[in-house]
Protein backbone atom coordinates (compact mmCIF):
# COMPACT_ATOMS: atom_id res chain seq x y z
CA MET A 1 8.59 -0.53 -0.51
CA LEU A 2 9.50 1.78 2.33
CA ARG A 3 7.42 1.82 5.47
CA LYS A 4 7.92 4.73 7.85
CA GLY A 5 11.54 5.07 6.78
CA LYS A 6 12.31 1.35 6.93
CA THR A 7 12.38 -1.20 4.15
CA MET A 8 9.29 -3.38 4.14
CA GLY A 9 9.93 -7.07 4.54
CA TYR A 10 6.54 -7.98 3.18
CA GLU A 11 4.64 -7.92 -0.07
CA THR A 12 3.17 -4.83 -1.65
CA HIS A 13 -0.21 -4.77 -3.37
CA ILE A 14 -1.58 -2.14 -5.72
CA VAL A 15 -5.26 -1.47 -6.27
CA ILE A 16 -6.25 0.70 -9.24
CA GLY A 17 -9.74 2.11 -9.26
CA PHE A 18 -12.11 5.03 -9.10
CA LEU A 19 -12.34 7.28 -6.06
CA GLY A 20 -15.69 8.40 -4.70
CA ASP A 21 -16.52 11.76 -3.15
CA PRO A 22 -15.50 12.39 0.46
CA VAL A 23 -18.22 11.65 3.03
CA PRO A 24 -18.15 11.92 6.83
CA GLU A 25 -16.99 8.80 8.64
CA LEU A 26 -19.48 7.33 11.10
CA ALA A 27 -18.38 5.92 14.45
CA LYS A 28 -18.64 2.14 14.44
CA ASP A 29 -20.07 0.25 17.39
CA LEU A 30 -17.52 -2.52 17.62
CA THR A 31 -18.88 -3.87 20.91
CA ASN A 32 -22.54 -4.20 19.84
CA PRO A 33 -22.76 -4.16 16.06
CA TYR A 34 -26.25 -4.43 14.62
CA GLU A 35 -27.77 -4.38 18.11
CA ASP A 36 -30.59 -2.05 17.10
CA GLY A 37 -31.60 -4.22 14.15
CA SER A 38 -30.88 -1.43 11.65
CA GLY A 39 -28.29 -3.40 9.74
CA TYR A 40 -25.68 -0.67 10.29
CA PRO A 41 -22.97 -1.17 12.94
CA TYR A 42 -22.75 2.50 13.93
CA LYS A 43 -22.94 4.25 17.26
CA LYS A 44 -25.99 6.47 17.57
CA ASP A 45 -26.89 9.48 19.68
CA LYS A 46 -30.02 9.70 21.84
CA ALA A 47 -32.09 10.83 18.84
CA GLY A 48 -31.01 7.73 16.90
CA ASN A 49 -28.70 9.54 14.47
CA PRO A 50 -25.33 7.97 13.58
CA ILE A 51 -22.43 9.74 15.31
CA LYS A 52 -19.81 11.30 13.01
CA THR A 53 -16.11 10.94 13.89
CA GLY A 54 -14.91 14.22 12.35
CA ARG A 55 -12.88 12.40 9.69
CA MET A 56 -13.72 12.13 6.01
CA GLN A 57 -13.62 8.87 4.08
CA ARG A 58 -13.45 8.13 0.37
CA TYR A 59 -14.55 4.86 -1.18
CA LEU A 60 -12.27 3.30 -3.79
CA MET A 61 -14.09 1.16 -6.35
CA PRO A 62 -11.38 -1.31 -7.42
CA ALA A 63 -10.87 -2.13 -11.10
CA VAL A 64 -7.55 -4.00 -10.66
CA HIS A 65 -5.81 -5.62 -7.70
CA LEU A 66 -2.25 -6.83 -8.30
CA ASP A 67 0.31 -8.38 -5.95
CA LEU A 68 3.69 -6.80 -6.72
CA SER A 69 5.55 -8.92 -4.17
CA LYS A 70 8.68 -7.20 -2.78
CA ILE A 71 9.58 -4.03 -4.70
CA ASP A 72 12.21 -2.45 -2.47
CA TYR A 73 14.49 0.26 -3.88
CA SER A 74 12.47 1.01 -7.01
CA ASN A 75 11.06 4.28 -8.33
CA LEU A 76 7.65 2.95 -7.38
CA ASP A 77 9.00 2.43 -3.88
CA LEU A 78 10.19 6.06 -3.68
CA LEU A 79 6.85 7.31 -5.00
CA HIS A 80 5.04 5.34 -2.31
CA ASP A 81 7.29 6.85 0.35
CA LYS A 82 6.55 10.38 -0.92
CA TYR A 83 2.78 9.88 -0.77
CA LEU A 84 2.94 8.00 2.54
CA LYS A 85 4.17 11.24 4.12
CA VAL A 86 1.22 13.11 2.57
CA THR A 87 -1.17 10.44 3.86
CA GLU A 88 0.26 10.53 7.38
CA GLU A 89 0.09 14.33 7.50
CA ASN A 90 -3.62 14.29 6.60
CA GLN A 91 -5.07 12.23 9.46
CA ASN A 92 -8.59 13.57 8.87
CA GLU A 93 -9.15 11.84 5.54
CA PHE A 94 -8.70 8.24 4.47
CA VAL A 95 -9.45 5.83 1.64
CA TYR A 96 -11.14 2.46 1.98
CA PHE A 97 -12.34 -0.40 -0.21
CA TYR A 98 -13.85 -3.81 0.39
CA HIS A 99 -11.93 -7.09 0.23
CA SER A 100 -12.96 -9.73 -2.26
CA ASP A 101 -15.54 -11.02 0.24
CA ARG A 102 -17.34 -7.68 -0.33
CA CYS A 103 -17.99 -7.42 3.40
CA THR A 104 -14.66 -6.61 5.04
CA GLU A 105 -13.82 -2.90 4.91
CA PHE A 106 -10.13 -2.28 4.32
CA SER A 107 -8.62 1.12 5.24
CA GLU A 108 -5.15 0.15 6.44
CA ASP A 109 -2.67 -2.59 5.70
CA ASN A 110 -1.93 -5.62 7.86
CA TYR A 111 0.64 -3.58 9.81
CA GLY A 112 -1.60 -0.64 10.71
CA ASP A 113 -0.33 1.76 8.03
CA PRO A 114 -2.97 3.73 6.12
CA LEU A 115 -3.69 2.98 2.48
CA VAL A 116 -1.50 5.26 0.38
CA LEU A 117 -3.35 7.07 -2.41
CA VAL A 118 -1.22 8.00 -5.47
CA PRO A 119 -2.32 9.59 -8.76
CA PHE A 120 -2.50 7.08 -11.63
CA LYS A 121 -0.28 9.13 -13.95
CA ASP A 122 2.48 9.35 -11.32
CA VAL A 123 2.44 5.58 -10.82
CA LEU A 124 2.49 4.98 -14.58
CA GLU A 125 5.61 7.14 -14.99
CA ALA A 126 7.36 5.44 -12.06
CA VAL A 127 6.55 2.00 -13.46
CA ARG A 128 7.87 3.01 -16.91
CA THR A 129 11.16 4.03 -15.31
CA ASP A 130 11.32 0.84 -13.23
CA VAL A 131 10.77 -1.32 -16.33
CA GLN A 132 13.69 0.45 -18.06
CA ASN A 133 15.93 -0.17 -15.03
CA SER A 134 14.78 -3.66 -14.07
CA ASP A 135 13.67 -6.91 -15.66
CA TYR A 136 11.27 -7.65 -12.78
CA ARG A 137 8.31 -9.43 -14.40
CA ARG A 138 5.65 -7.89 -12.15
CA PHE A 139 6.66 -4.38 -13.25
CA ARG A 140 6.23 -5.44 -16.87
CA TRP A 141 2.76 -6.87 -16.09
CA LEU A 142 1.78 -3.69 -14.29
CA LEU A 143 3.11 -1.48 -17.09
CA GLY A 144 1.19 -3.34 -19.79
CA LEU A 145 -1.99 -3.19 -17.75
CA MET A 146 -1.63 0.50 -16.88
CA GLU A 147 -0.77 1.52 -20.45
CA ALA A 148 -3.93 -0.24 -21.66
CA MET A 149 -5.97 1.48 -18.95
CA ALA A 150 -4.45 4.86 -19.89
CA LEU A 151 -5.98 4.53 -23.35
CA THR A 152 -9.53 4.53 -21.99
CA ASP A 153 -11.73 7.61 -21.63
CA ASN A 154 -12.00 7.00 -17.87
CA SER A 155 -8.25 6.99 -17.22
CA LYS A 156 -8.25 10.58 -15.94
CA HIS A 157 -10.42 9.39 -13.03
CA LEU A 158 -8.18 6.47 -12.02
CA VAL A 159 -6.15 6.44 -8.80
CA CYS A 160 -3.81 3.89 -7.22
CA VAL A 161 -3.64 2.66 -3.65
CA PHE A 162 -0.72 0.74 -2.14
CA TYR A 163 -0.70 -1.48 0.91
CA GLY A 164 1.47 -4.15 2.46
CA THR A 165 0.58 -7.69 3.48
């Protein structure tokens, strides 16, 4: 997978899920989380209201999380690169989900790149092409899974997110 114009030397993960509505991001108090006993680690103004950052965030409810390992020079790789540019151009909106511990919020990969949001149907077409051109087993797993998901009534609401580890 390409990362800012350079080939990634690390593994790529895909998360397929449902995207929530955009909501304003709240400024986190990283120095004194939970200090006020509210249970929310957000900075607050003098009136006690959480402070908004001016960015919008969208929650991704994961349905599938798959490690694709290294997928350099594939159609899926090129699709990621296309949508990475879109993601980087829109700095005022981001996607996040929670790790398997259900506590750690995840909005960028281990290298500081934002999560890249790609429409489900675009990923499905790229994976179909990659399976025709490659015998890479993880593409075949992903294709079978995505084709089964495409048969459901909810498939029109599915999105994909890529990140590197």
